[in-house]
Amino acid sequence: MKEEIIKAIEELKKDKRKFEQGVDFIINLKKFDTKRESVNTTMVMPNKFRKYKIAAFLNNKSTIVTTVTKAEFPKYADKKKVKKLIKNNDYFIAAANLMPTIATTFGKYLGPSGKMPAPGRGIIASDDEASIKREIEKFEGLIRIKTKESSIKILVGKENTEPEKVAENAEAIYKTVLNNLQRGKDNIKSVMIKLTMSKPIKINY
């Protein structure tokens, strides 16, 4: 699969645009009932190519991350502000002592989005700058794979990312999805790779 993806990317890159396109890896599913079955997991891609937007729920303002302090929680009683906050950030970290209040104020929206801070990745015992920095580093290369329909599309690189690194990311995602499907390979209809503005190229799997 890896060599075929590299070849496909090199072919796709011949169609130049005025901006740097992303590389999308697509897995189309079959015999998959989205009402009864789902894939909902996280993984770390082997090759990092982008920085995530991370916000933090902390007791005090931080100089290294966008912060929502406990004193600011009341203004998020407005659900539009909560939704905007969640939409504008990829992940969230939180001080452990604030988690009960976070669950009450933001849980209804953070939970379904898959962005609720969790033990091991997102919750910090102390919100000093060193602890915050260490926690942020845990999110480098992290992606969530979640089925909303019978197709999974994940950004695996940028147009200028080395094709081999993009292929390694795509291959890792394929293996993760395969391991999370009830019927394994029998649930996969097709695998494709494309640039933002291009037509997809089918990949043998």
N, C-alpha and C. Protein backbone atom coordinates (compact mmCIF):
# COMPACT_ATOMS: atom_id res chain seq x y z
N MET A 1 0.83 -1.21 0.00
CA MET A 1 0.00 0.00 0.00
C MET A 1 0.87 1.27 0.00
N LYS A 2 1.94 1.25 0.77
CA LYS A 2 2.78 2.43 0.92
C LYS A 2 3.32 2.94 -0.41
N GLU A 3 3.89 2.02 -1.20
CA GLU A 3 4.47 2.42 -2.48
C GLU A 3 3.41 2.95 -3.44
N GLU A 4 2.23 2.37 -3.38
CA GLU A 4 1.14 2.80 -4.26
C GLU A 4 0.66 4.20 -3.88
N ILE A 5 0.62 4.48 -2.58
CA ILE A 5 0.21 5.81 -2.11
C ILE A 5 1.23 6.86 -2.54
N ILE A 6 2.51 6.53 -2.40
CA ILE A 6 3.58 7.46 -2.82
C ILE A 6 3.45 7.79 -4.30
N LYS A 7 3.22 6.77 -5.10
CA LYS A 7 3.06 6.96 -6.55
C LYS A 7 1.85 7.83 -6.86
N ALA A 8 0.75 7.61 -6.13
CA ALA A 8 -0.48 8.38 -6.34
C ALA A 8 -0.27 9.85 -5.97
N ILE A 9 0.44 10.10 -4.87
CA ILE A 9 0.69 11.48 -4.43
C ILE A 9 1.53 12.22 -5.46
N GLU A 10 2.55 11.56 -5.97
CA GLU A 10 3.41 12.18 -6.98
C GLU A 10 2.61 12.54 -8.23
N GLU A 11 1.63 11.70 -8.57
CA GLU A 11 0.77 11.97 -9.72
C GLU A 11 -0.16 13.15 -9.42
N LEU A 12 -0.74 13.17 -8.23
CA LEU A 12 -1.66 14.24 -7.84
C LEU A 12 -0.98 15.60 -7.79
N LYS A 13 0.27 15.63 -7.39
CA LYS A 13 1.01 16.89 -7.23
C LYS A 13 1.32 17.58 -8.56
N LYS A 14 1.08 16.89 -9.66
CA LYS A 14 1.30 17.50 -10.98
C LYS A 14 0.28 18.60 -11.26
N ASP A 15 -0.88 18.49 -10.60
CA ASP A 15 -1.94 19.49 -10.77
C ASP A 15 -1.75 20.59 -9.73
N LYS A 16 -0.97 21.60 -10.07
CA LYS A 16 -0.61 22.66 -9.13
C LYS A 16 -1.74 23.67 -8.94
N ARG A 17 -1.86 24.16 -7.71
CA ARG A 17 -2.81 25.21 -7.37
C ARG A 17 -2.04 26.40 -6.79
N LYS A 18 -2.76 27.49 -6.52
CA LYS A 18 -2.11 28.69 -6.00
C LYS A 18 -1.90 28.63 -4.49
N PHE A 19 -2.29 27.54 -3.88
CA PHE A 19 -2.12 27.37 -2.44
C PHE A 19 -1.66 25.94 -2.16
N GLU A 20 -1.13 25.73 -0.97
CA GLU A 20 -0.69 24.39 -0.60
C GLU A 20 -1.89 23.54 -0.19
N GLN A 21 -2.13 22.50 -0.94
CA GLN A 21 -3.29 21.64 -0.67
C GLN A 21 -2.98 20.62 0.42
N GLY A 22 -4.03 20.15 1.06
CA GLY A 22 -3.88 19.06 2.02
C GLY A 22 -4.01 17.73 1.31
N VAL A 23 -3.53 16.67 1.95
CA VAL A 23 -3.65 15.32 1.40
C VAL A 23 -4.66 14.56 2.26
N ASP A 24 -5.76 14.15 1.65
CA ASP A 24 -6.82 13.43 2.36
C ASP A 24 -6.74 11.94 2.06
N PHE A 25 -6.85 11.15 3.12
CA PHE A 25 -6.89 9.69 2.99
C PHE A 25 -8.32 9.27 3.29
N ILE A 26 -8.92 8.52 2.38
CA ILE A 26 -10.34 8.17 2.49
C ILE A 26 -10.53 6.66 2.53
N ILE A 27 -11.32 6.21 3.50
CA ILE A 27 -11.70 4.80 3.58
C ILE A 27 -13.22 4.74 3.50
N ASN A 28 -13.73 4.16 2.41
CA ASN A 28 -15.18 3.98 2.25
C ASN A 28 -15.57 2.61 2.79
N LEU A 29 -16.66 2.58 3.55
CA LEU A 29 -17.07 1.35 4.22
C LEU A 29 -18.27 0.69 3.54
N LYS A 30 -18.42 -0.60 3.78
CA LYS A 30 -19.58 -1.35 3.30
C LYS A 30 -20.05 -2.29 4.42
N LYS A 31 -21.28 -2.76 4.30
CA LYS A 31 -21.87 -3.63 5.34
C LYS A 31 -21.69 -3.00 6.72
N PHE A 32 -21.86 -1.68 6.75
CA PHE A 32 -21.60 -0.91 7.97
C PHE A 32 -22.82 -0.07 8.29
N ASP A 33 -23.53 -0.42 9.36
CA ASP A 33 -24.73 0.30 9.78
C ASP A 33 -24.34 1.42 10.75
N THR A 34 -24.37 2.64 10.27
CA THR A 34 -23.92 3.77 11.10
C THR A 34 -24.80 4.00 12.33
N LYS A 35 -26.00 3.43 12.34
CA LYS A 35 -26.88 3.58 13.50
C LYS A 35 -26.53 2.58 14.60
N ARG A 36 -25.92 1.47 14.22
CA ARG A 36 -25.61 0.42 15.19
C ARG A 36 -24.11 0.21 15.40
N GLU A 37 -23.33 0.61 14.42
CA GLU A 37 -21.88 0.40 14.50
C GLU A 37 -21.16 1.73 14.43
N SER A 38 -19.96 1.76 14.97
CA SER A 38 -19.18 3.00 14.89
C SER A 38 -17.70 2.70 15.10
N VAL A 39 -16.90 3.60 14.58
CA VAL A 39 -15.47 3.62 14.88
C VAL A 39 -15.24 4.94 15.59
N ASN A 40 -14.72 4.87 16.79
CA ASN A 40 -14.47 6.08 17.57
C ASN A 40 -13.22 5.85 18.41
N THR A 41 -12.08 6.26 17.87
CA THR A 41 -10.82 5.99 18.54
C THR A 41 -9.82 7.11 18.26
N THR A 42 -8.73 7.12 18.98
CA THR A 42 -7.66 8.08 18.73
C THR A 42 -6.37 7.33 18.45
N MET A 43 -5.47 7.99 17.76
CA MET A 43 -4.15 7.42 17.49
C MET A 43 -3.17 8.57 17.25
N VAL A 44 -1.90 8.26 17.34
CA VAL A 44 -0.87 9.26 17.06
C VAL A 44 -0.23 8.90 15.72
N MET A 45 -0.29 9.83 14.77
CA MET A 45 0.32 9.59 13.48
C MET A 45 1.84 9.55 13.61
N PRO A 46 2.51 8.69 12.87
CA PRO A 46 3.97 8.58 12.98
C PRO A 46 4.72 9.84 12.55
N ASN A 47 4.11 10.60 11.63
CA ASN A 47 4.77 11.81 11.14
C ASN A 47 3.88 13.03 11.34
N LYS A 48 4.37 14.00 12.09
CA LYS A 48 3.58 15.20 12.41
C LYS A 48 3.78 16.24 11.32
N PHE A 49 2.72 16.93 10.95
CA PHE A 49 2.82 17.92 9.88
C PHE A 49 2.03 19.20 10.17
N ARG A 50 1.35 19.25 11.30
CA ARG A 50 0.56 20.43 11.63
C ARG A 50 0.54 20.66 13.13
N LYS A 51 0.26 21.90 13.51
CA LYS A 51 0.11 22.23 14.92
C LYS A 51 -1.37 22.36 15.23
N TYR A 52 -1.76 21.80 16.35
CA TYR A 52 -3.16 21.87 16.74
C TYR A 52 -3.43 23.10 17.59
N LYS A 53 -4.67 23.56 17.53
CA LYS A 53 -5.10 24.64 18.41
C LYS A 53 -5.59 24.01 19.71
N ILE A 54 -4.94 24.38 20.80
CA ILE A 54 -5.28 23.80 22.10
C ILE A 54 -5.66 24.91 23.07
N ALA A 55 -6.75 24.72 23.78
CA ALA A 55 -7.18 25.67 24.81
C ALA A 55 -7.18 24.95 26.16
N ALA A 56 -7.18 25.73 27.23
CA ALA A 56 -7.09 25.13 28.56
C ALA A 56 -8.08 25.76 29.53
N PHE A 57 -8.65 24.91 30.37
CA PHE A 57 -9.49 25.36 31.49
C PHE A 57 -8.60 25.35 32.73
N LEU A 58 -8.24 26.54 33.21
CA LEU A 58 -7.27 26.64 34.29
C LEU A 58 -7.75 27.58 35.39
N ASN A 59 -7.06 27.52 36.52
CA ASN A 59 -7.38 28.42 37.62
C ASN A 59 -6.90 29.84 37.34
N ASN A 60 -5.76 29.93 36.62
CA ASN A 60 -5.20 31.24 36.29
C ASN A 60 -4.77 31.27 34.83
N LYS A 61 -4.62 32.46 34.29
CA LYS A 61 -4.21 32.63 32.90
C LYS A 61 -2.82 32.05 32.66
N SER A 62 -2.66 31.41 31.51
CA SER A 62 -1.36 30.87 31.11
C SER A 62 -0.78 31.73 29.99
N THR A 63 0.54 31.77 29.90
CA THR A 63 1.19 32.54 28.84
C THR A 63 1.47 31.69 27.61
N ILE A 64 1.23 30.37 27.70
CA ILE A 64 1.59 29.49 26.58
C ILE A 64 0.40 28.81 25.91
N VAL A 65 -0.80 29.05 26.42
CA VAL A 65 -1.98 28.42 25.82
C VAL A 65 -3.19 29.32 26.02
N THR A 66 -4.11 29.29 25.06
CA THR A 66 -5.38 30.01 25.21
C THR A 66 -6.09 29.49 26.45
N THR A 67 -6.47 30.40 27.33
CA THR A 67 -7.00 29.99 28.63
C THR A 67 -8.42 30.48 28.89
N VAL A 68 -9.22 29.59 29.47
CA VAL A 68 -10.52 29.97 30.02
C VAL A 68 -10.41 29.69 31.52
N THR A 69 -10.41 30.74 32.34
CA THR A 69 -10.29 30.55 33.78
C THR A 69 -11.65 30.26 34.41
N LYS A 70 -11.62 29.75 35.62
CA LYS A 70 -12.86 29.43 36.32
C LYS A 70 -13.75 30.66 36.45
N ALA A 71 -13.13 31.82 36.65
CA ALA A 71 -13.89 33.07 36.79
C ALA A 71 -14.64 33.42 35.51
N GLU A 72 -14.18 32.88 34.37
CA GLU A 72 -14.81 33.18 33.08
C GLU A 72 -15.89 32.17 32.70
N PHE A 73 -16.03 31.10 33.46
CA PHE A 73 -17.01 30.06 33.13
C PHE A 73 -18.44 30.59 32.96
N PRO A 74 -18.90 31.51 33.83
CA PRO A 74 -20.30 31.97 33.73
C PRO A 74 -20.69 32.52 32.36
N LYS A 75 -19.75 33.15 31.66
CA LYS A 75 -20.12 33.74 30.37
C LYS A 75 -20.41 32.66 29.31
N TYR A 76 -20.01 31.42 29.62
CA TYR A 76 -20.27 30.33 28.68
C TYR A 76 -21.60 29.64 28.96
N ALA A 77 -22.44 30.32 29.72
CA ALA A 77 -23.82 29.86 29.87
C ALA A 77 -24.54 30.03 28.53
N ASP A 78 -23.99 30.91 27.70
CA ASP A 78 -24.49 31.12 26.34
C ASP A 78 -23.95 29.99 25.45
N LYS A 79 -24.83 29.11 24.99
CA LYS A 79 -24.37 27.94 24.24
C LYS A 79 -23.67 28.29 22.93
N LYS A 80 -23.99 29.46 22.37
CA LYS A 80 -23.31 29.89 21.14
C LYS A 80 -21.82 30.12 21.40
N LYS A 81 -21.51 30.67 22.57
CA LYS A 81 -20.11 30.92 22.93
C LYS A 81 -19.37 29.60 23.18
N VAL A 82 -20.08 28.65 23.79
CA VAL A 82 -19.47 27.33 24.04
C VAL A 82 -19.15 26.65 22.72
N LYS A 83 -20.12 26.64 21.82
CA LYS A 83 -19.93 25.99 20.52
C LYS A 83 -18.80 26.63 19.72
N LYS A 84 -18.69 27.95 19.81
CA LYS A 84 -17.62 28.66 19.10
C LYS A 84 -16.26 28.29 19.69
N LEU A 85 -16.19 28.22 21.02
CA LEU A 85 -14.95 27.84 21.69
C LEU A 85 -14.50 26.45 21.26
N ILE A 86 -15.43 25.52 21.22
CA ILE A 86 -15.11 24.14 20.86
C ILE A 86 -14.74 24.03 19.39
N LYS A 87 -15.44 24.76 18.54
CA LYS A 87 -15.16 24.73 17.10
C LYS A 87 -13.78 25.31 16.80
N ASN A 88 -13.38 26.33 17.54
CA ASN A 88 -12.11 27.03 17.26
C ASN A 88 -10.87 26.33 17.82
N ASN A 89 -11.07 25.25 18.57
CA ASN A 89 -9.93 24.54 19.16
C ASN A 89 -10.04 23.04 18.88
N ASP A 90 -8.88 22.43 18.64
CA ASP A 90 -8.85 21.00 18.32
C ASP A 90 -8.93 20.14 19.58
N TYR A 91 -8.25 20.59 20.65
CA TYR A 91 -8.22 19.82 21.89
C TYR A 91 -8.24 20.76 23.09
N PHE A 92 -8.55 20.18 24.25
CA PHE A 92 -8.59 20.95 25.50
C PHE A 92 -7.84 20.22 26.60
N ILE A 93 -7.19 21.00 27.46
CA ILE A 93 -6.61 20.45 28.67
C ILE A 93 -7.28 21.15 29.85
N ALA A 94 -7.16 20.56 31.04
CA ALA A 94 -7.86 21.14 32.19
C ALA A 94 -7.17 20.81 33.50
N ALA A 95 -7.27 21.74 34.44
CA ALA A 95 -6.79 21.49 35.80
C ALA A 95 -7.76 20.50 36.45
N ALA A 96 -7.21 19.50 37.12
CA ALA A 96 -8.02 18.42 37.69
C ALA A 96 -9.10 18.94 38.64
N ASN A 97 -8.78 19.95 39.44
CA ASN A 97 -9.75 20.44 40.43
C ASN A 97 -10.95 21.14 39.79
N LEU A 98 -10.84 21.47 38.49
CA LEU A 98 -11.94 22.15 37.80
C LEU A 98 -12.86 21.19 37.04
N MET A 99 -12.48 19.91 36.96
CA MET A 99 -13.22 18.98 36.12
C MET A 99 -14.72 18.86 36.47
N PRO A 100 -15.12 18.83 37.74
CA PRO A 100 -16.56 18.76 38.03
C PRO A 100 -17.33 19.94 37.44
N THR A 101 -16.76 21.14 37.55
CA THR A 101 -17.42 22.33 37.01
C THR A 101 -17.38 22.33 35.49
N ILE A 102 -16.28 21.85 34.92
CA ILE A 102 -16.15 21.76 33.46
C ILE A 102 -17.21 20.81 32.91
N ALA A 103 -17.39 19.68 33.59
CA ALA A 103 -18.39 18.70 33.15
C ALA A 103 -19.79 19.31 33.14
N THR A 104 -20.08 20.12 34.14
CA THR A 104 -21.40 20.75 34.24
C THR A 104 -21.59 21.85 33.20
N THR A 105 -20.56 22.67 33.01
CA THR A 105 -20.67 23.83 32.13
C THR A 105 -20.46 23.49 30.66
N PHE A 106 -19.48 22.62 30.38
CA PHE A 106 -19.09 22.37 29.00
C PHE A 106 -19.31 20.93 28.52
N GLY A 107 -19.56 20.02 29.46
CA GLY A 107 -19.63 18.60 29.12
C GLY A 107 -20.62 18.23 28.04
N LYS A 108 -21.75 18.90 28.02
CA LYS A 108 -22.80 18.61 27.03
C LYS A 108 -22.30 18.79 25.60
N TYR A 109 -21.31 19.66 25.43
CA TYR A 109 -20.79 19.96 24.09
C TYR A 109 -19.41 19.33 23.86
N LEU A 110 -18.58 19.28 24.91
CA LEU A 110 -17.25 18.69 24.77
C LEU A 110 -17.35 17.18 24.54
N GLY A 111 -18.27 16.52 25.25
CA GLY A 111 -18.41 15.07 25.14
C GLY A 111 -18.67 14.59 23.73
N PRO A 112 -19.75 15.04 23.10
CA PRO A 112 -20.06 14.59 21.73
C PRO A 112 -18.99 14.94 20.70
N SER A 113 -18.23 16.01 20.97
CA SER A 113 -17.19 16.42 20.02
C SER A 113 -15.91 15.61 20.19
N GLY A 114 -15.85 14.82 21.27
CA GLY A 114 -14.65 14.02 21.53
C GLY A 114 -13.50 14.84 22.08
N LYS A 115 -13.79 16.02 22.61
CA LYS A 115 -12.73 16.92 23.07
C LYS A 115 -12.67 17.09 24.59
N MET A 116 -13.42 16.29 25.32
CA MET A 116 -13.41 16.39 26.78
C MET A 116 -12.05 15.94 27.32
N PRO A 117 -11.39 16.75 28.15
CA PRO A 117 -10.12 16.33 28.75
C PRO A 117 -10.31 15.02 29.52
N ALA A 118 -9.31 14.15 29.45
CA ALA A 118 -9.44 12.84 30.08
C ALA A 118 -8.14 12.49 30.81
N PRO A 119 -8.20 11.60 31.80
CA PRO A 119 -6.98 11.18 32.49
C PRO A 119 -5.98 10.57 31.50
N GLY A 120 -4.73 10.94 31.64
CA GLY A 120 -3.70 10.43 30.73
C GLY A 120 -3.44 11.34 29.56
N ARG A 121 -4.45 12.09 29.16
CA ARG A 121 -4.26 13.04 28.07
C ARG A 121 -5.29 14.16 28.20
N GLY A 122 -4.89 15.23 28.87
CA GLY A 122 -5.79 16.37 28.96
C GLY A 122 -5.99 16.92 30.36
N ILE A 123 -5.88 16.06 31.38
CA ILE A 123 -6.09 16.53 32.75
C ILE A 123 -4.75 16.64 33.48
N ILE A 124 -4.51 17.79 34.08
CA ILE A 124 -3.25 18.02 34.80
C ILE A 124 -3.52 18.29 36.28
N ALA A 125 -2.70 17.69 37.13
CA ALA A 125 -2.87 17.86 38.58
C ALA A 125 -2.51 19.27 39.01
N SER A 126 -1.49 19.83 38.36
CA SER A 126 -1.04 21.18 38.69
C SER A 126 -1.00 22.00 37.41
N ASP A 127 -1.54 23.22 37.45
CA ASP A 127 -1.56 24.01 36.21
C ASP A 127 -0.43 25.04 36.15
N ASP A 128 0.77 24.60 36.56
CA ASP A 128 1.95 25.43 36.35
C ASP A 128 2.38 25.31 34.89
N GLU A 129 3.18 26.25 34.42
CA GLU A 129 3.54 26.31 32.99
C GLU A 129 4.26 25.05 32.51
N ALA A 130 5.11 24.46 33.34
CA ALA A 130 5.85 23.26 32.94
C ALA A 130 4.89 22.09 32.71
N SER A 131 3.91 21.94 33.60
CA SER A 131 2.93 20.86 33.46
C SER A 131 2.06 21.06 32.23
N ILE A 132 1.69 22.32 31.98
CA ILE A 132 0.88 22.64 30.80
C ILE A 132 1.63 22.30 29.52
N LYS A 133 2.90 22.67 29.47
CA LYS A 133 3.72 22.40 28.28
C LYS A 133 3.84 20.91 28.02
N ARG A 134 4.08 20.13 29.07
CA ARG A 134 4.20 18.67 28.92
C ARG A 134 2.90 18.07 28.39
N GLU A 135 1.78 18.59 28.88
CA GLU A 135 0.48 18.05 28.46
C GLU A 135 0.20 18.40 27.00
N ILE A 136 0.54 19.60 26.59
CA ILE A 136 0.35 20.02 25.20
C ILE A 136 1.12 19.11 24.25
N GLU A 137 2.33 18.72 24.65
CA GLU A 137 3.17 17.87 23.81
C GLU A 137 2.54 16.50 23.54
N LYS A 138 1.67 16.06 24.45
CA LYS A 138 1.00 14.76 24.27
C LYS A 138 0.05 14.76 23.08
N PHE A 139 -0.37 15.95 22.65
CA PHE A 139 -1.34 16.04 21.56
C PHE A 139 -0.69 16.13 20.18
N GLU A 140 0.64 16.21 20.13
CA GLU A 140 1.32 16.32 18.85
C GLU A 140 1.09 15.06 18.01
N GLY A 141 0.51 15.23 16.84
CA GLY A 141 0.25 14.10 15.95
C GLY A 141 -0.99 13.30 16.30
N LEU A 142 -1.70 13.70 17.36
CA LEU A 142 -2.89 12.96 17.78
C LEU A 142 -4.06 13.26 16.85
N ILE A 143 -4.78 12.22 16.45
CA ILE A 143 -5.99 12.41 15.65
C ILE A 143 -7.11 11.55 16.21
N ARG A 144 -8.33 11.98 15.99
CA ARG A 144 -9.50 11.18 16.35
C ARG A 144 -10.12 10.64 15.08
N ILE A 145 -10.39 9.35 15.07
CA ILE A 145 -11.05 8.70 13.94
C ILE A 145 -12.46 8.35 14.39
N LYS A 146 -13.43 8.98 13.76
CA LYS A 146 -14.82 8.79 14.19
C LYS A 146 -15.73 8.72 12.97
N THR A 147 -16.56 7.69 12.93
CA THR A 147 -17.49 7.54 11.81
C THR A 147 -18.79 8.29 12.08
N LYS A 148 -19.13 9.18 11.16
CA LYS A 148 -20.44 9.85 11.20
C LYS A 148 -21.29 9.34 10.04
N GLU A 149 -20.61 8.77 9.05
CA GLU A 149 -21.27 8.17 7.90
C GLU A 149 -20.40 7.00 7.45
N SER A 150 -20.77 6.35 6.36
CA SER A 150 -20.02 5.17 5.94
C SER A 150 -18.77 5.52 5.13
N SER A 151 -18.09 6.56 5.56
CA SER A 151 -16.85 6.97 4.92
C SER A 151 -16.00 7.71 5.95
N ILE A 152 -14.70 7.45 5.95
CA ILE A 152 -13.78 8.11 6.87
C ILE A 152 -12.77 8.90 6.04
N LYS A 153 -12.64 10.19 6.34
CA LYS A 153 -11.67 11.03 5.63
C LYS A 153 -10.78 11.72 6.65
N ILE A 154 -9.47 11.51 6.52
CA ILE A 154 -8.50 12.06 7.47
C ILE A 154 -7.41 12.81 6.71
N LEU A 155 -7.07 13.99 7.20
CA LEU A 155 -5.95 14.75 6.64
C LEU A 155 -4.65 14.09 7.11
N VAL A 156 -3.84 13.62 6.16
CA VAL A 156 -2.62 12.87 6.51
C VAL A 156 -1.33 13.61 6.17
N GLY A 157 -1.46 14.80 5.60
CA GLY A 157 -0.27 15.57 5.27
C GLY A 157 -0.63 16.78 4.43
N LYS A 158 0.39 17.53 4.08
CA LYS A 158 0.23 18.67 3.18
C LYS A 158 0.93 18.36 1.87
N GLU A 159 0.62 19.13 0.86
CA GLU A 159 1.17 18.90 -0.48
C GLU A 159 2.70 18.86 -0.46
N ASN A 160 3.32 19.66 0.40
CA ASN A 160 4.78 19.72 0.45
C ASN A 160 5.40 18.77 1.47
N THR A 161 4.56 17.99 2.16
CA THR A 161 5.07 16.96 3.06
C THR A 161 5.68 15.84 2.21
N GLU A 162 6.78 15.26 2.67
CA GLU A 162 7.41 14.18 1.92
C GLU A 162 6.40 13.05 1.68
N PRO A 163 6.25 12.61 0.42
CA PRO A 163 5.27 11.56 0.10
C PRO A 163 5.41 10.30 0.97
N GLU A 164 6.64 9.94 1.31
CA GLU A 164 6.86 8.75 2.13
C GLU A 164 6.24 8.92 3.52
N LYS A 165 6.36 10.13 4.07
CA LYS A 165 5.80 10.39 5.40
C LYS A 165 4.27 10.40 5.35
N VAL A 166 3.73 10.95 4.27
CA VAL A 166 2.27 10.95 4.09
C VAL A 166 1.77 9.51 4.00
N ALA A 167 2.48 8.70 3.23
CA ALA A 167 2.10 7.29 3.04
C ALA A 167 2.15 6.53 4.36
N GLU A 168 3.15 6.81 5.18
CA GLU A 168 3.26 6.15 6.49
C GLU A 168 2.09 6.53 7.39
N ASN A 169 1.67 7.80 7.34
CA ASN A 169 0.51 8.24 8.11
C ASN A 169 -0.75 7.51 7.65
N ALA A 170 -0.93 7.46 6.34
CA ALA A 170 -2.12 6.81 5.77
C ALA A 170 -2.16 5.33 6.12
N GLU A 171 -1.02 4.68 6.03
CA GLU A 171 -0.93 3.25 6.32
C GLU A 171 -1.26 2.98 7.80
N ALA A 172 -0.78 3.85 8.68
CA ALA A 172 -1.05 3.70 10.12
C ALA A 172 -2.54 3.87 10.40
N ILE A 173 -3.17 4.82 9.72
CA ILE A 173 -4.61 5.04 9.90
C ILE A 173 -5.40 3.83 9.38
N TYR A 174 -5.00 3.31 8.24
CA TYR A 174 -5.67 2.13 7.67
C TYR A 174 -5.65 0.97 8.67
N LYS A 175 -4.49 0.71 9.26
CA LYS A 175 -4.36 -0.40 10.20
C LYS A 175 -5.22 -0.17 11.45
N THR A 176 -5.27 1.08 11.91
CA THR A 176 -6.08 1.40 13.09
C THR A 176 -7.57 1.21 12.80
N VAL A 177 -8.02 1.70 11.65
CA VAL A 177 -9.43 1.54 11.27
C VAL A 177 -9.76 0.06 11.13
N LEU A 178 -8.89 -0.67 10.46
CA LEU A 178 -9.10 -2.11 10.24
C LEU A 178 -9.29 -2.84 11.57
N ASN A 179 -8.48 -2.49 12.56
CA ASN A 179 -8.56 -3.14 13.87
C ASN A 179 -9.81 -2.75 14.65
N ASN A 180 -10.49 -1.68 14.22
CA ASN A 180 -11.68 -1.22 14.93
C ASN A 180 -12.98 -1.54 14.20
N LEU A 181 -12.89 -2.24 13.09
CA LEU A 181 -14.08 -2.65 12.34
C LEU A 181 -14.49 -4.06 12.75
N GLN A 182 -15.78 -4.27 12.95
CA GLN A 182 -16.27 -5.57 13.40
C GLN A 182 -15.91 -6.69 12.42
N ARG A 183 -15.99 -6.39 11.13
CA ARG A 183 -15.72 -7.42 10.12
C ARG A 183 -14.36 -7.23 9.44
N GLY A 184 -13.56 -6.35 9.99
CA GLY A 184 -12.23 -6.14 9.43
C GLY A 184 -12.27 -5.71 7.98
N LYS A 185 -11.50 -6.38 7.16
CA LYS A 185 -11.37 -6.03 5.74
C LYS A 185 -12.69 -6.15 4.99
N ASP A 186 -13.59 -7.00 5.48
CA ASP A 186 -14.89 -7.18 4.83
C ASP A 186 -15.76 -5.94 4.95
N ASN A 187 -15.39 -5.02 5.85
CA ASN A 187 -16.14 -3.77 6.01
C ASN A 187 -15.61 -2.66 5.09
N ILE A 188 -14.52 -2.92 4.40
CA ILE A 188 -13.90 -1.88 3.57
C ILE A 188 -14.31 -2.02 2.11
N LYS A 189 -14.90 -0.97 1.59
CA LYS A 189 -15.36 -0.94 0.20
C LYS A 189 -14.26 -0.46 -0.73
N SER A 190 -13.58 0.62 -0.34
CA SER A 190 -12.50 1.17 -1.16
C SER A 190 -11.62 2.09 -0.33
N VAL A 191 -10.41 2.29 -0.82
CA VAL A 191 -9.44 3.19 -0.17
C VAL A 191 -8.94 4.17 -1.22
N MET A 192 -8.92 5.46 -0.88
CA MET A 192 -8.54 6.48 -1.86
C MET A 192 -7.64 7.54 -1.23
N ILE A 193 -6.92 8.24 -2.09
CA ILE A 193 -6.10 9.37 -1.65
C ILE A 193 -6.36 10.53 -2.60
N LYS A 194 -6.40 11.75 -2.06
CA LYS A 194 -6.66 12.91 -2.91
C LYS A 194 -6.05 14.16 -2.30
N LEU A 195 -5.88 15.17 -3.14
CA LEU A 195 -5.54 16.50 -2.64
C LEU A 195 -6.84 17.27 -2.45
N THR A 196 -6.77 18.40 -1.77
CA THR A 196 -7.96 19.18 -1.44
C THR A 196 -8.86 19.40 -2.65
N MET A 197 -8.27 19.79 -3.78
CA MET A 197 -9.05 20.16 -4.96
C MET A 197 -9.01 19.11 -6.08
N SER A 198 -8.44 17.96 -5.81
CA SER A 198 -8.30 16.96 -6.88
C SER A 198 -9.37 15.88 -6.79
N LYS A 199 -9.45 15.10 -7.84
CA LYS A 199 -10.27 13.90 -7.81
C LYS A 199 -9.46 12.81 -7.10
N PRO A 200 -10.11 11.87 -6.42
CA PRO A 200 -9.37 10.84 -5.70
C PRO A 200 -8.78 9.77 -6.61
N ILE A 201 -7.70 9.18 -6.15
CA ILE A 201 -7.08 8.04 -6.83
C ILE A 201 -7.28 6.82 -5.95
N LYS A 202 -7.77 5.75 -6.54
CA LYS A 202 -8.06 4.53 -5.79
C LYS A 202 -6.76 3.80 -5.45
N ILE A 203 -6.69 3.28 -4.23
CA ILE A 203 -5.52 2.56 -3.75
C ILE A 203 -5.89 1.11 -3.46
N ASN A 204 -5.07 0.18 -3.93
CA ASN A 204 -5.30 -1.23 -3.61
C ASN A 204 -4.90 -1.48 -2.16
N TYR A 205 -5.66 -2.29 -1.46
CA TYR A 205 -5.39 -2.53 -0.04
C TYR A 205 -5.39 -4.02 0.27
